[in-house]
Structures are given as structure tokens and as C-alpha cells.
């Protein structure tokens, strides 16, 4: 096991706990409409991995009364739902398996606990729900994660092909490493731009922005409308609420053909023309002379959006439920939706991320018990419950079909589903652990008054040095 990696990682995670965590706000913690829904059908773009046909060596049964320790990162309503699901499984599974759930508040805290346990040689739980890139990190660092291919294809314990093939391939594939299925999707979300369609139409724009130039034109028009409008408090607002979140920033990078890899070398890299051009675009969008992107005093953008102080902001699927409530509080009746990030090619950019179940137990019986729990948690019925609680993605077409009423009740969420065929995941690599913090830092530096346009390439040169130093350790 590479202890150096764990020491670096623990230090990074500890720092990130104070600088990079996204607050999960309830309505009571915030400072103080129906879009058209496309009928475009979902068509998977990547084939579902086919389990091997090797003869199974799995036991025929599970001993009665096994206990499975389970660590997960969920809190709030999602944690309450997971606790209820655990209770139902414990009470109803035929082997008397008892899952002991342990909520660790969020992804950062969970990763920190796992890393510290490994560094101090303490035992891991039998099952964890963690980000895909972290499962890859653990596997590359010497932690044995159960390859779930054999479990998936087992005639006794597997998932019937007719059910498995309905899971969206983009979610199954992002939990793979090489030829191994080291995780099974548990939870997925997407990064979108929240967009006020009514206001855009009043400003003369009948279509959502499909490229950065159109996005700039629309946000600048909204900024000018507020600058010269009748409401004094709106001066300086109107455009896109600037976000230094690494997920939003990475989405912009992809829109300019950048990202976190060198296509020619197939290695992690940050120094590219696309990354420089995208960050230059954001730098100029934020310039006081343009004010097409702005930074408010409130940490969260919901009220700005509801009060027409922002025509757009960066968010995730789960923000839809919060935005609906804030709109109701503020009396907003504009037609709004979520759209993908624009790109220079015109191709929608939708970056998805999420949590997968990783089996860490080296006991075959406990592995099977954990797998039975995974299958329970990802049944169509339970997928629907999770979506209805959080507004996240359903993991399968079967679940999406059960959500027809939900799509009517939450039209912005329904619009978001239309772009799922364009989805791509974050890099599932060791380096992504540090890349997230690097990207967030660059995004923040872009809007500092001490940063000039000529400094932008230098930011990426320094980022590449830091990334390669991490990769070499």
C-alpha cells in the first residue's frame, strides 16, 4: 500500500473540509414557472458492460444473521431515507442480514475517515458508498475492492439481464476500473446552468445559449437591463452568478475542449489551450467593465435567481427542489429551467458525478451479504424513492419510466433528463483528488483584482507543476 499517497490525501482532505465543501442548505437557512418539457427520448450512448460468463465459485447460501458495517456520506433527508431503507432490508431479507449504517455527513468526511483508517491500519467497514474517483484511488493504492462482475452475472446472486441492461451505461461504466466493476452506482447528479427563460425572451432571446458567445450575449444583456433599470438595488447584478466550484469550472473547461487529460498521451494534465481559453473567457466575463458575471454577498444564488438579479447560475439537480421553494416564497412566476453548459462546438456539456457502492470486505459471505443489500438499495422502487426525495438522477430507464408524475410536477427536472445522452463523468483517476482543489483555486484567482489577463496562462503552468508533483509521489 502506498502510504505516501494516503498521507498526502489525508492532508488534502483535511484542508478541503474548510475550503471546498459545498453547503447543503435547507430553506430555513437561506437568505431572504413552469418551463416547456421536451419529449426527447433517452438513448444510451455507451453500451452496458457485459459480465463474464466464467463458472461461478460463489457459495450457494449466506449464513444466517451476518452483520454488515456500512459507511455512507449522506445527511439530511437522504440520510433519513437511507436509514428507513436499511430498516426495511434488515427486517425483511431472508438471511437475517443486519446492516449497520453509519452516516459520515458528506463525501469529504467519509474519504477522510477511510484514509485515516488505512493509514493507521484500522479495519475498514464491509461496505462503503463513495465517489467513483475515490474507489479508483483506493484500488490503485492497494486496497482490495470486490470485483462485482461475478456477482452481477451469477445465476444465484446476480441481477437478471433484463433488469441490468436497463441501468444507464454512463452510470455503470463510471464505477469501473479496467476490466473490473469495483463499484455499483448508488447515486448520481448532474451539473447544469439554471436559466430564466421568460427573462431571456423579454430581452430578445428565443433560444437557450448553445455556445459561449451566445451565453455572453445573454448574460451581458441581463446585466445591462439591471444596470439601467428602475430598481436601484439591482445595479451591478443581472448576469451569471460567478461560481468558483470545481464542478462548474470543469464544465466550462470541457466546453472549450479542455479538461483534465492530454488526449495525445492519455495521461492527467491541466495545461492545455482549451483550459486557458475557457478561463480567459470567464475572466473577461467577470471584468467590472463588462459585469456579465458577478459575485453576490449571499453564498447561495437562489434568491438572486428568483428576484431577477441573475439570469443564470451554476447548480446541480438537487438545487431544483430548493429553487422551486424559494421561487414560491418570492412569488416568482417566470418560466425557468436547467440547461447544459455551452460549448464552442455547440455540443451540450453535462458532467455527471456521484456515489457508488464499494465492497471492501475480504470475507466471501459478508461480500455476498453486502451485495444483497446493494441490490435492495438499487431496486426500481428504491431508485424512485431516492429521486423523489432528492431530485437526483434515476439510475435506470425502468425508474425513469416510473417517474412520469414527478416529471410533470418538476418540469425543470424533466428538462434536465433530456440531456442525459450527452452526459460524461468526471475523471476517475487518482489525480482528480487534487485536481478538484486546484481547479477551485484557479477559478477563485481569476476574479481577484490582482490578476491580469496575462496571468491566466501562468495559473495553468503552476497548476500543472503541482499536479505532476502529486502524481510523482
Protein backbone atom coordinates (compact mmCIF):
# COMPACT_ATOMS: atom_id res chain seq x y z
CA UNK A 1 0.00 0.00 0.00
CA UNK A 2 1.32 3.42 -0.92
CA UNK A 3 1.36 5.19 2.44
CA UNK A 4 2.72 8.37 0.85
CA UNK A 5 -0.46 8.72 -1.18
CA UNK A 6 -2.62 8.33 1.91
CA UNK A 7 -0.63 10.92 3.88
CA UNK A 8 -0.92 13.42 1.05
CA UNK A 9 -4.59 12.62 0.62
CA UNK A 10 -5.44 12.98 4.31
CA UNK A 11 -3.77 16.40 4.32
CA UNK A 12 -5.66 17.46 1.20
CA UNK A 13 -9.00 16.28 2.52
CA UNK A 14 -8.46 17.98 5.87
CA UNK A 15 -7.78 21.27 4.08
CA UNK A 16 -10.73 20.76 1.78
CA UNK A 17 -13.08 20.37 4.74
CA UNK A 18 -12.56 24.07 5.43
CA UNK A 19 -12.31 25.39 1.87
CA UNK A 20 -14.06 23.22 -0.69
CA UNK A 21 -17.24 21.83 0.87
CA UNK A 22 -20.49 22.83 -0.79
CA UNK A 23 -23.10 23.72 1.87
CA UNK A 24 -26.25 21.63 1.77
CA UNK A 25 -28.80 24.28 2.68
CA UNK A 26 -32.32 23.82 3.89
CA UNK A 27 -34.83 26.55 3.06
CA UNK A 28 -34.76 27.87 6.60
CA UNK A 29 -31.03 28.54 6.27
CA UNK A 30 -31.31 30.67 3.13
CA UNK A 31 -31.26 34.46 2.94
CA UNK A 32 -34.10 36.14 2.02
CA UNK A 33 -42.80 28.76 -13.60
CA UNK A 34 -43.31 26.10 -15.45
CA UNK A 35 -40.93 25.52 -18.42
CA UNK A 36 -41.79 23.59 -21.51
CA UNK A 37 -40.79 19.95 -21.26
CA UNK A 38 -39.14 18.25 -24.20
CA UNK A 39 -40.37 14.83 -25.22
CA UNK A 40 -36.94 13.74 -26.49
CA UNK A 41 -36.41 10.10 -25.60
CA UNK A 42 -33.36 8.85 -23.74
CA UNK A 43 -30.96 6.84 -25.87
CA UNK A 44 -27.86 5.42 -24.12
CA UNK A 45 -24.66 6.35 -25.94
CA UNK A 46 -22.38 3.76 -24.35
CA UNK A 47 -23.02 0.04 -24.23
CA UNK A 48 -23.63 -1.67 -20.91
CA UNK A 49 -20.63 -3.76 -19.79
CA UNK A 50 -21.33 -7.43 -20.23
CA UNK A 51 -20.49 -9.63 -17.21
CA UNK A 52 -18.08 -12.53 -17.86
CA UNK A 53 -19.50 -16.00 -18.42
CA UNK A 54 -16.99 -17.81 -16.22
CA UNK A 55 -18.29 -20.55 -13.97
CA UNK A 56 -19.21 -19.12 -10.57
CA UNK A 57 -17.39 -20.22 -7.42
CA UNK A 58 -19.74 -18.33 -5.10
CA UNK A 59 -21.36 -20.04 -2.09
CA UNK A 60 -24.90 -21.29 -2.57
CA UNK A 61 -26.23 -19.61 0.56
CA UNK A 62 -25.44 -16.95 3.16
CA UNK A 63 -25.08 -17.84 6.84
CA UNK A 64 -27.95 -16.53 8.93
CA UNK A 65 -27.56 -13.32 10.94
CA UNK A 66 -24.45 -11.75 9.37
CA UNK A 67 -23.72 -8.13 10.27
CA UNK A 68 -22.54 -5.71 7.58
CA UNK A 69 -20.94 -2.41 8.56
CA UNK A 70 -21.82 0.29 6.04
CA UNK A 71 -20.35 3.80 5.81
CA UNK A 72 -22.06 6.41 3.64
CA UNK A 73 -21.79 10.19 3.08
CA UNK A 74 -25.45 11.18 3.10
CA UNK A 75 -27.11 13.54 5.53
CA UNK A 76 -30.46 15.29 5.97
CA UNK A 77 -33.46 13.90 4.11
CA UNK A 78 -31.36 11.48 2.12
CA UNK A 79 -29.83 10.02 5.30
CA UNK A 80 -33.30 9.64 6.80
CA UNK A 81 -34.44 7.78 3.69
CA UNK A 82 -31.36 5.54 3.71
CA UNK A 83 -31.95 4.71 7.37
CA UNK A 84 -35.53 3.71 6.54
CA UNK A 85 -34.32 1.54 3.66
CA UNK A 86 -31.79 -0.14 5.94
CA UNK A 87 -34.52 -0.86 8.49
CA UNK A 88 -36.73 -2.37 5.80
CA UNK A 89 -33.91 -4.54 4.48
CA UNK A 90 -32.92 -5.72 7.95
CA UNK A 91 -36.50 -6.66 8.76
CA UNK A 92 -37.30 -8.43 5.51
CA UNK A 93 -34.25 -10.12 3.98
CA UNK A 94 -34.44 -13.92 4.15
CA UNK A 95 -30.97 -14.43 5.63
CA UNK A 96 -31.42 -12.15 8.63
CA UNK A 97 -28.61 -9.88 7.44
CA UNK A 98 -28.25 -6.84 9.67
CA UNK A 99 -26.74 -3.75 8.04
CA UNK A 100 -25.29 -1.23 10.47
CA UNK A 101 -25.38 2.13 8.71
CA UNK A 102 -23.02 4.96 9.67
CA UNK A 103 -23.58 8.43 8.18
CA UNK A 104 -20.37 10.45 7.86
CA UNK A 105 -22.05 13.74 6.92
CA UNK A 106 -20.58 14.26 3.44
CA UNK A 107 -18.11 12.93 0.89
CA UNK A 108 -15.12 14.79 2.30
CA UNK A 109 -15.61 13.46 5.81
CA UNK A 110 -16.16 9.91 4.56
CA UNK A 111 -12.97 9.97 2.47
CA UNK A 112 -11.04 11.38 5.38
CA UNK A 113 -12.27 8.62 7.73
CA UNK A 114 -11.44 5.86 5.25
CA UNK A 115 -7.98 7.29 4.56
CA UNK A 116 -7.18 7.71 8.23
CA UNK A 117 -8.30 4.14 8.94
CA UNK A 118 -5.97 2.85 6.23
CA UNK A 119 -3.07 4.95 7.43
CA UNK A 120 -3.46 3.64 11.00
CA UNK A 121 -4.13 0.04 9.81
CA UNK A 122 -7.60 0.04 11.35
CA UNK A 123 -10.23 -2.24 9.76
CA UNK A 124 -12.47 -0.80 7.09
CA UNK A 125 -16.24 -1.30 7.07
CA UNK A 126 -17.60 -4.10 4.89
CA UNK A 127 -19.29 -1.68 2.50
CA UNK A 128 -18.81 1.98 1.63
CA UNK A 129 -20.69 4.41 -0.58
CA UNK A 130 -18.07 6.76 -2.00
CA UNK A 131 -17.23 8.84 -5.09
CA UNK A 132 -16.07 6.79 -8.07
CA UNK A 133 -12.69 8.51 -8.22
CA UNK A 134 -12.09 7.63 -4.57
CA UNK A 135 -12.82 3.95 -5.22
CA UNK A 136 -10.23 4.08 -8.02
CA UNK A 137 -7.79 5.77 -5.66
CA UNK A 138 -8.29 3.04 -3.05
CA UNK A 139 -7.85 0.28 -5.62
CA UNK A 140 -4.68 1.83 -7.06
CA UNK A 141 -3.32 2.27 -3.54
CA UNK A 142 -3.54 -1.42 -2.71
CA UNK A 143 -6.98 -1.72 -1.15
CA UNK A 144 -8.81 -4.82 -2.39
CA UNK A 145 -12.27 -3.91 -3.63
CA UNK A 146 -14.57 -6.76 -4.58
CA UNK A 147 -14.92 -7.09 -8.34
CA UNK A 148 -18.70 -7.10 -8.69
CA UNK A 149 -18.70 -8.57 -12.21
CA UNK A 150 -19.05 -12.12 -10.88
CA UNK A 151 -21.80 -11.07 -8.51
CA UNK A 152 -23.71 -9.28 -11.24
CA UNK A 153 -23.65 -12.31 -13.56
CA UNK A 154 -24.20 -15.09 -11.01
CA UNK A 155 -27.20 -17.30 -11.72
CA UNK A 156 -27.84 -17.42 -7.96
CA UNK A 157 -26.92 -13.93 -6.78
CA UNK A 158 -26.84 -11.82 -9.92
CA UNK A 159 -29.13 -9.22 -11.45
CA UNK A 160 -31.28 -10.60 -14.27
CA UNK A 161 -30.02 -9.43 -17.66
CA UNK A 162 -33.38 -7.83 -18.48
CA UNK A 163 -33.02 -5.61 -15.40
CA UNK A 164 -29.27 -4.94 -15.61
CA UNK A 165 -29.39 -3.81 -19.22
CA UNK A 166 -31.83 -1.05 -18.26
CA UNK A 167 -29.29 0.65 -15.98
CA UNK A 168 -27.87 3.66 -17.77
CA UNK A 169 -24.41 2.69 -19.11
CA UNK A 170 -22.88 6.08 -18.26
CA UNK A 171 -23.51 5.31 -14.57
CA UNK A 172 -22.35 1.68 -14.65
CA UNK A 173 -19.20 2.47 -16.61
CA UNK A 174 -18.08 5.28 -14.33
CA UNK A 175 -17.80 2.74 -11.49
CA UNK A 176 -15.39 0.54 -13.45
CA UNK A 177 -11.62 0.31 -13.39
CA UNK A 178 -10.17 -1.50 -16.35
CA UNK A 179 -11.99 -4.82 -16.65
CA UNK A 180 -13.30 -4.74 -13.10
CA UNK A 181 -16.56 -3.43 -11.72
CA UNK A 182 -15.18 -2.03 -8.47
CA UNK A 183 -18.38 -0.18 -7.66
CA UNK A 184 -22.09 -0.29 -8.38
CA UNK A 185 -23.90 3.04 -8.89
CA UNK A 186 -25.73 4.29 -5.81
CA UNK A 187 -26.45 7.95 -6.52
CA UNK A 188 -25.86 10.29 -9.46
CA UNK A 189 -26.29 14.01 -10.04
CA UNK A 190 -25.55 16.42 -12.87
CA UNK A 191 -24.06 19.90 -13.25
CA UNK A 192 -26.35 22.34 -15.03
CA UNK A 193 -26.92 26.05 -15.55
CA UNK A 194 -30.18 27.35 -14.10
CA UNK A 195 -31.69 29.64 -16.73
CA UNK A 196 -34.58 32.15 -16.66
CA UNK A 197 -36.33 31.57 -19.99
CA UNK A 198 -39.01 34.25 -19.52
CA UNK A 199 -36.49 36.99 -18.83
CA UNK A 200 -34.31 35.86 -21.73
CA UNK A 201 -37.30 36.08 -24.09
CA UNK A 202 -38.12 39.58 -22.82
CA UNK A 203 -34.53 40.54 -23.64
CA UNK A 204 -34.99 39.25 -27.17
CA UNK A 205 -33.57 35.71 -26.94
CA UNK A 206 -35.83 32.88 -28.01
CA UNK A 207 -33.31 30.06 -27.61
CA UNK A 208 -31.04 28.91 -24.81
CA UNK A 209 -27.35 29.73 -25.36
CA UNK A 210 -25.57 26.89 -27.13
CA UNK A 211 -22.07 28.36 -27.28
CA UNK A 212 -20.02 30.69 -25.05
CA UNK A 213 -20.58 33.69 -27.33
CA UNK A 214 -24.36 33.35 -27.04
CA UNK A 215 -24.06 32.86 -23.27
CA UNK A 216 -22.01 36.05 -23.00
CA UNK A 217 -24.51 37.98 -25.11
CA UNK A 218 -27.46 36.93 -22.97
CA UNK A 219 -25.83 37.42 -19.59
CA UNK A 220 -24.45 40.81 -20.62
CA UNK A 221 -27.91 41.87 -21.81
CA UNK A 222 -29.37 40.94 -18.42
CA UNK A 223 -26.61 42.84 -16.64
CA UNK A 224 -27.28 45.97 -18.75
CA UNK A 225 -31.02 45.68 -18.09
CA UNK A 226 -30.42 45.81 -14.34
CA UNK A 227 -27.72 48.46 -14.63
CA UNK A 228 -30.12 50.90 -16.27
CA UNK A 229 -33.35 49.61 -14.75
CA UNK A 230 -35.65 51.26 -12.25
CA UNK A 231 -34.64 49.12 -9.25
CA UNK A 232 -31.58 50.64 -7.61
CA UNK A 233 -30.77 47.51 -5.63
CA UNK A 234 -30.33 45.59 -8.88
CA UNK A 235 -27.46 47.72 -10.19
CA UNK A 236 -24.41 45.51 -10.63
CA UNK A 237 -26.47 42.33 -10.92
CA UNK A 238 -28.30 40.52 -13.68
CA UNK A 239 -25.82 38.18 -15.36
CA UNK A 240 -24.42 34.79 -14.36
CA UNK A 241 -23.64 34.38 -10.66
CA UNK A 242 -19.95 33.55 -10.74
CA UNK A 243 -19.06 30.16 -9.26
CA UNK A 244 -15.60 29.01 -8.22
CA UNK A 245 -16.92 25.50 -7.57
CA UNK A 246 -14.63 22.95 -9.23
CA UNK A 247 -17.55 21.11 -10.83
CA UNK A 248 -18.85 24.26 -12.54
CA UNK A 249 -15.36 25.29 -13.58
CA UNK A 250 -14.60 21.86 -15.02
CA UNK A 251 -17.82 22.07 -17.04
CA UNK A 252 -16.60 25.33 -18.57
CA UNK A 253 -13.24 23.75 -19.36
CA UNK A 254 -14.94 20.94 -21.25
CA UNK A 255 -16.98 23.49 -23.18
CA UNK A 256 -13.78 24.88 -24.67
CA UNK A 257 -12.32 21.47 -25.47
CA UNK A 258 -10.22 21.40 -22.31
CA UNK A 259 -10.42 19.22 -19.24
CA UNK A 260 -8.06 17.14 -17.19
CA UNK A 261 -6.35 14.88 -19.71
CA UNK A 262 -3.82 15.04 -22.51
CA UNK A 263 -5.65 13.31 -25.39
CA UNK A 264 -2.38 12.51 -27.18
CA UNK A 265 -0.71 10.94 -24.17
CA UNK A 266 -3.82 9.70 -22.30
CA UNK A 267 -2.44 11.00 -19.01
CA UNK A 268 -3.72 13.51 -16.47
CA UNK A 269 -2.81 17.05 -17.47
CA UNK A 270 -4.17 20.54 -16.89
CA UNK A 271 -2.03 22.68 -19.20
CA UNK A 272 -3.97 22.98 -22.45
CA UNK A 273 -5.18 25.62 -24.90
CA UNK A 274 -8.80 24.78 -24.07
CA UNK A 275 -8.28 25.37 -20.34
CA UNK A 276 -6.51 28.67 -20.96
CA UNK A 277 -9.20 29.87 -23.38
CA UNK A 278 -12.08 28.91 -21.09
CA UNK A 279 -10.58 30.65 -18.06
CA UNK A 280 -9.80 33.71 -20.18
CA UNK A 281 -13.46 33.75 -21.22
CA UNK A 282 -14.60 33.66 -17.59
CA UNK A 283 -12.02 36.30 -16.62
CA UNK A 284 -13.39 38.70 -19.24
CA UNK A 285 -17.00 37.83 -18.40
CA UNK A 286 -16.34 38.93 -14.80
CA UNK A 287 -14.43 42.13 -15.59
CA UNK A 288 -16.08 45.16 -13.91
CA UNK A 289 -16.22 46.85 -17.29
CA UNK A 290 -18.46 44.03 -18.52
CA UNK A 291 -20.09 42.80 -15.29
CA UNK A 292 -21.73 39.94 -17.19
CA UNK A 293 -20.74 37.65 -14.32
CA UNK A 294 -20.90 38.89 -10.76
CA UNK A 295 -20.41 37.70 -7.19
CA UNK A 296 -23.09 38.43 -4.62
CA UNK A 297 -22.85 38.79 -0.88
CA UNK A 298 -25.06 35.77 -0.34
CA UNK A 299 -23.27 32.45 -0.63
CA UNK A 300 -26.22 30.76 -2.32
CA UNK A 301 -27.78 32.07 -5.56
CA UNK A 302 -31.42 31.01 -5.14
CA UNK A 303 -32.89 34.35 -4.10
CA UNK A 304 -30.87 36.22 -6.72
CA UNK A 305 -32.38 33.99 -9.38
CA UNK A 306 -35.91 34.31 -8.01
CA UNK A 307 -35.69 38.12 -7.91
CA UNK A 308 -34.24 38.59 -11.41
CA UNK A 309 -30.87 39.59 -10.09
CA UNK A 310 -29.40 36.69 -12.04
CA UNK A 311 -30.50 35.30 -15.36
CA UNK A 312 -28.34 32.22 -14.77
CA UNK A 313 -26.32 30.39 -12.14
CA UNK A 314 -24.45 27.10 -11.84
CA UNK A 315 -26.08 24.33 -9.86
CA UNK A 316 -26.83 20.64 -9.61
CA UNK A 317 -30.04 18.66 -9.99
CA UNK A 318 -30.75 18.73 -6.26
CA UNK A 319 -30.92 22.54 -6.38
CA UNK A 320 -34.15 22.30 -8.37
CA UNK A 321 -36.23 21.46 -5.28
CA UNK A 322 -34.70 24.33 -3.33
CA UNK A 323 -35.17 26.77 -6.20
CA UNK A 324 -38.84 25.78 -6.50
CA UNK A 325 -39.39 26.58 -2.84
CA UNK A 326 -37.51 29.88 -2.99
CA UNK A 327 -39.47 30.91 -6.08
CA UNK A 328 -42.71 30.25 -4.22
CA UNK A 329 -41.53 32.29 -1.25
CA UNK A 330 -40.55 35.20 -3.52
CA UNK A 331 -43.63 34.98 -5.73
CA UNK A 332 -41.63 34.27 -8.89
CA UNK A 333 -43.75 33.05 -11.79
CA UNK A 334 -41.12 33.18 -14.56
CA UNK A 335 -40.60 30.19 -16.83
CA UNK A 336 -37.21 28.75 -15.84
CA UNK A 337 -35.31 25.56 -16.45
CA UNK A 338 -31.90 23.89 -16.34
CA UNK A 339 -29.66 23.77 -19.41
CA UNK A 340 -26.29 22.16 -20.15
CA UNK A 341 -23.11 24.19 -20.32
CA UNK A 342 -22.49 25.77 -23.74
CA UNK A 343 -19.51 24.74 -25.83
CA UNK A 344 -17.53 26.13 -28.74
CA UNK A 345 -18.71 23.14 -30.79
CA UNK A 346 -22.37 23.63 -29.86
CA UNK A 347 -22.47 20.19 -28.21
CA UNK A 348 -24.20 20.28 -24.81
CA UNK A 349 -21.84 19.77 -21.87
CA UNK A 350 -23.30 17.78 -18.99
CA UNK A 351 -20.85 16.50 -16.39
CA UNK A 352 -22.27 13.88 -14.03
CA UNK A 353 -20.86 12.68 -10.76
CA UNK A 354 -21.96 10.59 -7.85
CA UNK A 355 -21.56 7.82 -5.35
CA UNK A 356 -21.03 4.08 -5.89
CA UNK A 357 -21.12 1.11 -3.55
CA UNK A 358 -17.72 -0.46 -2.99
CA UNK A 359 -17.42 -3.81 -1.18
CA UNK A 360 -14.31 -3.75 1.00
CA UNK A 361 -14.81 -6.95 2.98
CA UNK A 362 -12.47 -9.85 2.13
CA UNK A 363 -14.95 -12.32 3.67
CA UNK A 364 -16.92 -14.02 0.89
CA UNK A 365 -20.07 -14.41 2.97
CA UNK A 366 -20.04 -10.77 4.07
CA UNK A 367 -19.35 -9.72 0.48
CA UNK A 368 -22.45 -11.59 -0.61
CA UNK A 369 -24.46 -10.06 2.21
CA UNK A 370 -23.27 -6.58 1.18
CA UNK A 371 -24.16 -7.37 -2.43
CA UNK A 372 -27.69 -8.39 -1.46
CA UNK A 373 -28.04 -5.04 0.28
CA UNK A 374 -26.75 -3.21 -2.82
CA UNK A 375 -29.35 -4.98 -4.95
CA UNK A 376 -32.04 -3.95 -2.47
CA UNK A 377 -30.95 -0.31 -2.47
CA UNK A 378 -30.94 -0.13 -6.26
CA UNK A 379 -34.29 -1.75 -6.98
CA UNK A 380 -36.50 0.33 -9.22
CA UNK A 381 -38.81 1.11 -6.31
CA UNK A 382 -35.97 2.41 -4.14
CA UNK A 383 -34.46 4.39 -7.01
CA UNK A 384 -37.77 6.19 -7.39
CA UNK A 385 -37.89 6.99 -3.66
CA UNK A 386 -34.39 8.50 -3.81
CA UNK A 387 -35.25 10.66 -6.82
CA UNK A 388 -38.48 11.87 -5.25
CA UNK A 389 -36.56 12.84 -2.11
CA UNK A 390 -33.53 14.50 -3.71
CA UNK A 391 -34.22 15.25 -7.42
CA UNK A 392 -31.13 13.26 -8.38
CA UNK A 393 -30.84 11.09 -11.49
CA UNK A 394 -32.63 7.74 -11.65
CA UNK A 395 -30.06 5.01 -12.23
CA UNK A 396 -32.10 3.11 -14.79
CA UNK A 397 -34.63 3.57 -17.55
CA UNK A 398 -37.03 1.44 -15.51
CA UNK A 399 -37.00 4.01 -12.71
CA UNK A 400 -37.30 6.93 -15.12
CA UNK A 401 -40.44 5.38 -16.58
CA UNK A 402 -41.97 5.26 -13.10
CA UNK A 403 -41.40 8.99 -12.65
CA UNK A 404 -43.89 10.35 -15.18
CA UNK A 405 -45.89 12.17 -12.48
CA UNK A 406 -42.68 13.54 -10.96
CA UNK A 407 -41.68 14.94 -14.37
CA UNK A 408 -44.98 16.83 -14.55
CA UNK A 409 -44.63 18.16 -11.01
CA UNK A 410 -41.00 19.24 -11.55
CA UNK A 411 -40.67 20.34 -15.17
CA UNK A 412 -37.14 21.73 -14.78
CA UNK A 413 -36.01 18.29 -13.59
CA UNK A 414 -37.75 16.74 -16.59
CA UNK A 415 -35.90 19.12 -18.90
CA UNK A 416 -32.64 18.06 -17.30
CA UNK A 417 -33.31 14.42 -18.17
CA UNK A 418 -33.41 15.26 -21.88
CA UNK A 419 -29.66 15.94 -21.91
CA UNK A 420 -28.63 12.70 -20.23
CA UNK A 421 -27.45 11.15 -23.55
CA UNK A 422 -24.74 13.84 -23.64
CA UNK A 423 -23.51 13.10 -20.12
CA UNK A 424 -19.89 12.35 -19.33
CA UNK A 425 -18.28 11.69 -15.93
CA UNK A 426 -15.54 13.43 -14.06
CA UNK A 427 -12.12 11.79 -14.43
CA UNK A 428 -11.94 8.61 -12.34
CA UNK A 429 -8.27 8.93 -11.52
CA UNK A 430 -6.01 9.36 -8.50
CA UNK A 431 -5.10 12.86 -9.64
CA UNK A 432 -8.71 14.05 -9.55
CA UNK A 433 -8.39 14.14 -5.77
CA UNK A 434 -6.06 17.12 -6.02
CA UNK A 435 -7.37 18.44 -9.34
CA UNK A 436 -10.65 19.46 -7.71
CA UNK A 437 -8.89 21.77 -5.29
CA UNK A 438 -6.56 23.09 -7.99
CA UNK A 439 -9.48 23.97 -10.27
CA UNK A 440 -11.41 25.65 -7.48
CA UNK A 441 -8.34 27.72 -6.61
CA UNK A 442 -7.75 28.81 -10.22
CA UNK A 443 -11.40 29.77 -10.59
CA UNK A 444 -11.14 31.89 -7.45
CA UNK A 445 -7.88 33.52 -8.55
CA UNK A 446 -9.41 34.57 -11.86
CA UNK A 447 -11.66 37.12 -10.17
CA UNK A 448 -9.07 38.68 -7.86
CA UNK A 449 -8.26 42.31 -8.62
CA UNK A 450 -4.54 41.47 -8.62
CA UNK A 451 -4.97 39.02 -11.52
CA UNK A 452 -4.45 40.31 -15.05
CA UNK A 453 -5.34 38.66 -18.34
CA UNK A 454 -1.64 37.94 -18.92
CA UNK A 455 -1.56 35.96 -15.66
CA UNK A 456 -4.07 33.35 -16.87
CA UNK A 457 -1.58 31.05 -18.70
CA UNK A 458 0.76 31.24 -15.69
CA UNK A 459 -2.01 29.95 -13.41
CA UNK A 460 -2.21 26.82 -15.54
CA UNK A 461 1.55 26.39 -15.72
CA UNK A 462 1.75 26.43 -11.93
CA UNK A 463 -1.23 24.07 -11.70
CA UNK A 464 0.49 21.57 -13.99
CA UNK A 465 3.63 21.62 -11.83
CA UNK A 466 1.59 20.95 -8.69
CA UNK A 467 -0.33 18.14 -10.39
CA UNK A 468 2.81 16.40 -11.61
CA UNK A 469 4.42 16.69 -8.18
CA UNK A 470 1.43 14.86 -6.71
CA UNK A 471 1.50 12.22 -9.45
CA UNK A 472 5.19 11.53 -8.84
CA UNK A 473 4.74 10.82 -5.11
